[in-house]
Amino acid sequence: MATKKSPLARVKDEHESKEKLVDRVLSILGAISKAEGGEDLKAQLLAASNKKLLRLHEVGSEIKSKYGSVEKLAEALGSAMGRAKDAPFVDKLKTYSPARLLDLVKGAEKRAKAAKAA
């Protein structure tokens, strides 16, 4: 039975160091959202746990590859929920965190798939 690697071991294996992982997370966050972080955000991320950084990297990479940006992700969620034309609702979705939006999209897609099968 293979044991699960610790977050520190995963960071070292996949990204070589925590600083490189933080730089990758910052570049992904810059690509998917309009938020400017600068040195303050980098300092916060360097103080964050390895597990949280790995989760941010996974979420950011998935959003970037599948949807391109947080705005497009919110629009995809609105259409998956059948409320794509409800502009205030979609605007409210854009205020949610990227990870929350991604989880909501996955749940909405799963429900839509189950409804088609039934």
C-alpha atoms as a PDB file:
ATOM      1  CA  MET A   1       0.000   0.000   0.000  1.00  0.00           C
ATOM      2  CA  ALA A   2       1.439   3.325  -1.038  1.00  0.00           C
ATOM      3  CA  THR A   3       1.466   6.002   1.606  1.00  0.00           C
ATOM      4  CA  LYS A   4       0.222   9.459   0.885  1.00  0.00           C
ATOM      5  CA  LYS A   5       2.922  12.118   0.675  1.00  0.00           C
ATOM      6  CA  SER A   6       2.886  15.031   3.059  1.00  0.00           C
ATOM      7  CA  PRO A   7       2.207  18.498   1.660  1.00  0.00           C
ATOM      8  CA  LEU A   8       5.862  19.441   2.182  1.00  0.00           C
ATOM      9  CA  ALA A   9       7.033  16.407   0.203  1.00  0.00           C
ATOM     10  CA  ARG A  10       4.559  17.189  -2.590  1.00  0.00           C
ATOM     11  CA  VAL A  11       5.773  20.801  -2.766  1.00  0.00           C
ATOM     12  CA  LYS A  12       9.387  19.677  -3.013  1.00  0.00           C
ATOM     13  CA  ASP A  13       8.632  16.950  -5.583  1.00  0.00           C
ATOM     14  CA  GLU A  14       6.297  18.950  -7.819  1.00  0.00           C
ATOM     15  CA  HIS A  15       7.601  22.513  -7.453  1.00  0.00           C
ATOM     16  CA  GLU A  16      11.114  22.232  -5.931  1.00  0.00           C
ATOM     17  CA  SER A  17      10.489  24.925  -3.288  1.00  0.00           C
ATOM     18  CA  LYS A  18       7.739  26.879  -1.596  1.00  0.00           C
ATOM     19  CA  GLU A  19       8.930  30.125  -3.237  1.00  0.00           C
ATOM     20  CA  LYS A  20       8.542  28.642  -6.720  1.00  0.00           C
ATOM     21  CA  LEU A  21       5.077  27.360  -5.838  1.00  0.00           C
ATOM     22  CA  VAL A  22       4.085  30.818  -4.561  1.00  0.00           C
ATOM     23  CA  ASP A  23       5.342  32.387  -7.807  1.00  0.00           C
ATOM     24  CA  ARG A  24       3.294  29.898  -9.845  1.00  0.00           C
ATOM     25  CA  VAL A  25       0.190  30.541  -7.745  1.00  0.00           C
ATOM     26  CA  LEU A  26       0.642  34.297  -8.190  1.00  0.00           C
ATOM     27  CA  SER A  27       0.968  33.952 -11.966  1.00  0.00           C
ATOM     28  CA  ILE A  28      -2.146  31.766 -12.158  1.00  0.00           C
ATOM     29  CA  LEU A  29      -4.135  34.131  -9.938  1.00  0.00           C
ATOM     30  CA  GLY A  30      -3.042  37.054 -12.100  1.00  0.00           C
ATOM     31  CA  ALA A  31      -4.172  35.208 -15.226  1.00  0.00           C
ATOM     32  CA  ILE A  32      -7.623  34.214 -13.970  1.00  0.00           C
ATOM     33  CA  SER A  33      -8.576  37.377 -12.093  1.00  0.00           C
ATOM     34  CA  LYS A  34      -8.024  41.096 -12.279  1.00  0.00           C
ATOM     35  CA  ALA A  35      -6.757  41.311  -8.719  1.00  0.00           C
ATOM     36  CA  GLU A  36      -3.405  42.931  -8.134  1.00  0.00           C
ATOM     37  CA  GLY A  37      -1.553  41.572  -5.150  1.00  0.00           C
ATOM     38  CA  GLY A  38       2.039  42.683  -5.289  1.00  0.00           C
ATOM     39  CA  GLU A  39       4.438  42.060  -2.447  1.00  0.00           C
ATOM     40  CA  ASP A  40       1.734  41.987   0.245  1.00  0.00           C
ATOM     41  CA  LEU A  41      -0.001  39.027  -1.385  1.00  0.00           C
ATOM     42  CA  LYS A  42       3.314  37.256  -1.929  1.00  0.00           C
ATOM     43  CA  ALA A  43       4.185  37.673   1.754  1.00  0.00           C
ATOM     44  CA  GLN A  44       0.765  36.286   2.750  1.00  0.00           C
ATOM     45  CA  LEU A  45       1.185  33.297   0.451  1.00  0.00           C
ATOM     46  CA  LEU A  46       4.677  32.572   1.763  1.00  0.00           C
ATOM     47  CA  ALA A  47       3.182  32.429   5.267  1.00  0.00           C
ATOM     48  CA  ALA A  48       0.352  30.106   4.145  1.00  0.00           C
ATOM     49  CA  SER A  49       0.486  26.361   4.663  1.00  0.00           C
ATOM     50  CA  ASN A  50       1.788  24.072   1.946  1.00  0.00           C
ATOM     51  CA  LYS A  51      -1.573  22.300   1.786  1.00  0.00           C
ATOM     52  CA  LYS A  52      -3.394  25.563   1.124  1.00  0.00           C
ATOM     53  CA  LEU A  53      -0.871  26.564  -1.553  1.00  0.00           C
ATOM     54  CA  LEU A  54      -1.253  23.214  -3.307  1.00  0.00           C
ATOM     55  CA  ARG A  55      -5.048  23.609  -3.256  1.00  0.00           C
ATOM     56  CA  LEU A  56      -4.791  27.149  -4.668  1.00  0.00           C
ATOM     57  CA  HIS A  57      -2.526  25.884  -7.435  1.00  0.00           C
ATOM     58  CA  GLU A  58      -4.872  23.011  -8.316  1.00  0.00           C
ATOM     59  CA  VAL A  59      -7.976  25.217  -8.351  1.00  0.00           C
ATOM     60  CA  GLY A  60      -6.276  27.988 -10.303  1.00  0.00           C
ATOM     61  CA  SER A  61      -4.875  25.593 -12.885  1.00  0.00           C
ATOM     62  CA  GLU A  62      -8.256  23.949 -13.421  1.00  0.00           C
ATOM     63  CA  ILE A  63     -10.035  27.285 -13.801  1.00  0.00           C
ATOM     64  CA  LYS A  64      -7.384  28.563 -16.194  1.00  0.00           C
ATOM     65  CA  SER A  65      -7.462  25.439 -18.374  1.00  0.00           C
ATOM     66  CA  LYS A  66     -11.244  24.855 -18.468  1.00  0.00           C
ATOM     67  CA  TYR A  67     -12.729  28.344 -18.231  1.00  0.00           C
ATOM     68  CA  GLY A  68      -9.982  30.940 -18.711  1.00  0.00           C
ATOM     69  CA  SER A  69     -11.097  33.389 -16.035  1.00  0.00           C
ATOM     70  CA  VAL A  70     -13.275  33.753 -12.969  1.00  0.00           C
ATOM     71  CA  GLU A  71     -15.802  35.822 -14.954  1.00  0.00           C
ATOM     72  CA  LYS A  72     -16.254  33.027 -17.506  1.00  0.00           C
ATOM     73  CA  LEU A  73     -16.516  30.516 -14.672  1.00  0.00           C
ATOM     74  CA  ALA A  74     -19.313  32.558 -13.066  1.00  0.00           C
ATOM     75  CA  GLU A  75     -21.122  32.743 -16.407  1.00  0.00           C
ATOM     76  CA  ALA A  76     -20.744  28.980 -16.849  1.00  0.00           C
ATOM     77  CA  LEU A  77     -22.216  28.456 -13.398  1.00  0.00           C
ATOM     78  CA  GLY A  78     -25.120  30.760 -14.196  1.00  0.00           C
ATOM     79  CA  SER A  79     -25.902  28.827 -17.366  1.00  0.00           C
ATOM     80  CA  ALA A  80     -25.502  25.466 -15.580  1.00  0.00           C
ATOM     81  CA  MET A  81     -28.038  26.638 -13.013  1.00  0.00           C
ATOM     82  CA  GLY A  82     -30.396  27.911 -15.732  1.00  0.00           C
ATOM     83  CA  ARG A  83     -29.997  31.540 -14.705  1.00  0.00           C
ATOM     84  CA  ALA A  84     -27.578  32.807 -17.366  1.00  0.00           C
ATOM     85  CA  LYS A  85     -29.806  35.770 -18.275  1.00  0.00           C
ATOM     86  CA  ASP A  86     -30.140  36.897 -14.651  1.00  0.00           C
ATOM     87  CA  ALA A  87     -27.374  39.547 -14.672  1.00  0.00           C
ATOM     88  CA  PRO A  88     -27.542  40.495 -10.960  1.00  0.00           C
ATOM     89  CA  PHE A  89     -27.248  36.823 -10.023  1.00  0.00           C
ATOM     90  CA  VAL A  90     -24.204  36.328 -12.265  1.00  0.00           C
ATOM     91  CA  ASP A  91     -22.646  39.516 -10.862  1.00  0.00           C
ATOM     92  CA  LYS A  92     -23.140  38.163  -7.340  1.00  0.00           C
ATOM     93  CA  LEU A  93     -21.491  34.890  -8.381  1.00  0.00           C
ATOM     94  CA  LYS A  94     -18.434  36.848  -9.544  1.00  0.00           C
ATOM     95  CA  THR A  95     -17.880  38.006  -5.960  1.00  0.00           C
ATOM     96  CA  TYR A  96     -17.464  34.401  -4.720  1.00  0.00           C
ATOM     97  CA  SER A  97     -14.026  32.884  -4.293  1.00  0.00           C
ATOM     98  CA  PRO A  98     -12.693  30.932  -7.289  1.00  0.00           C
ATOM     99  CA  ALA A  99     -12.625  27.674  -5.321  1.00  0.00           C
ATOM    100  CA  ARG A 100     -16.248  28.083  -4.235  1.00  0.00           C
ATOM    101  CA  LEU A 101     -17.328  28.830  -7.801  1.00  0.00           C
ATOM    102  CA  LEU A 102     -15.502  25.769  -9.090  1.00  0.00           C
ATOM    103  CA  ASP A 103     -17.158  23.539  -6.485  1.00  0.00           C
ATOM    104  CA  LEU A 104     -20.583  25.004  -7.330  1.00  0.00           C
ATOM    105  CA  VAL A 105     -20.033  24.411 -11.062  1.00  0.00           C
ATOM    106  CA  LYS A 106     -19.008  20.806 -10.462  1.00  0.00           C
ATOM    107  CA  GLY A 107     -22.127  20.220  -8.359  1.00  0.00           C
ATOM    108  CA  ALA A 108     -24.427  21.886 -10.915  1.00  0.00           C
ATOM    109  CA  GLU A 109     -22.930  19.846 -13.755  1.00  0.00           C
ATOM    110  CA  LYS A 110     -23.312  16.639 -11.745  1.00  0.00           C
ATOM    111  CA  ARG A 111     -26.982  17.427 -11.035  1.00  0.00           C
ATOM    112  CA  ALA A 112     -27.625  18.236 -14.696  1.00  0.00           C
ATOM    113  CA  LYS A 113     -25.992  14.968 -15.768  1.00  0.00           C
ATOM    114  CA  ALA A 114     -28.058  13.000 -13.241  1.00  0.00           C
ATOM    115  CA  ALA A 115     -31.255  14.693 -14.430  1.00  0.00           C
ATOM    116  CA  LYS A 116     -30.540  13.704 -18.036  1.00  0.00           C
ATOM    117  CA  ALA A 117     -29.882  10.099 -17.016  1.00  0.00           C
ATOM    118  CA  ALA A 118     -33.123   9.855 -15.055  1.00  0.00           C
END
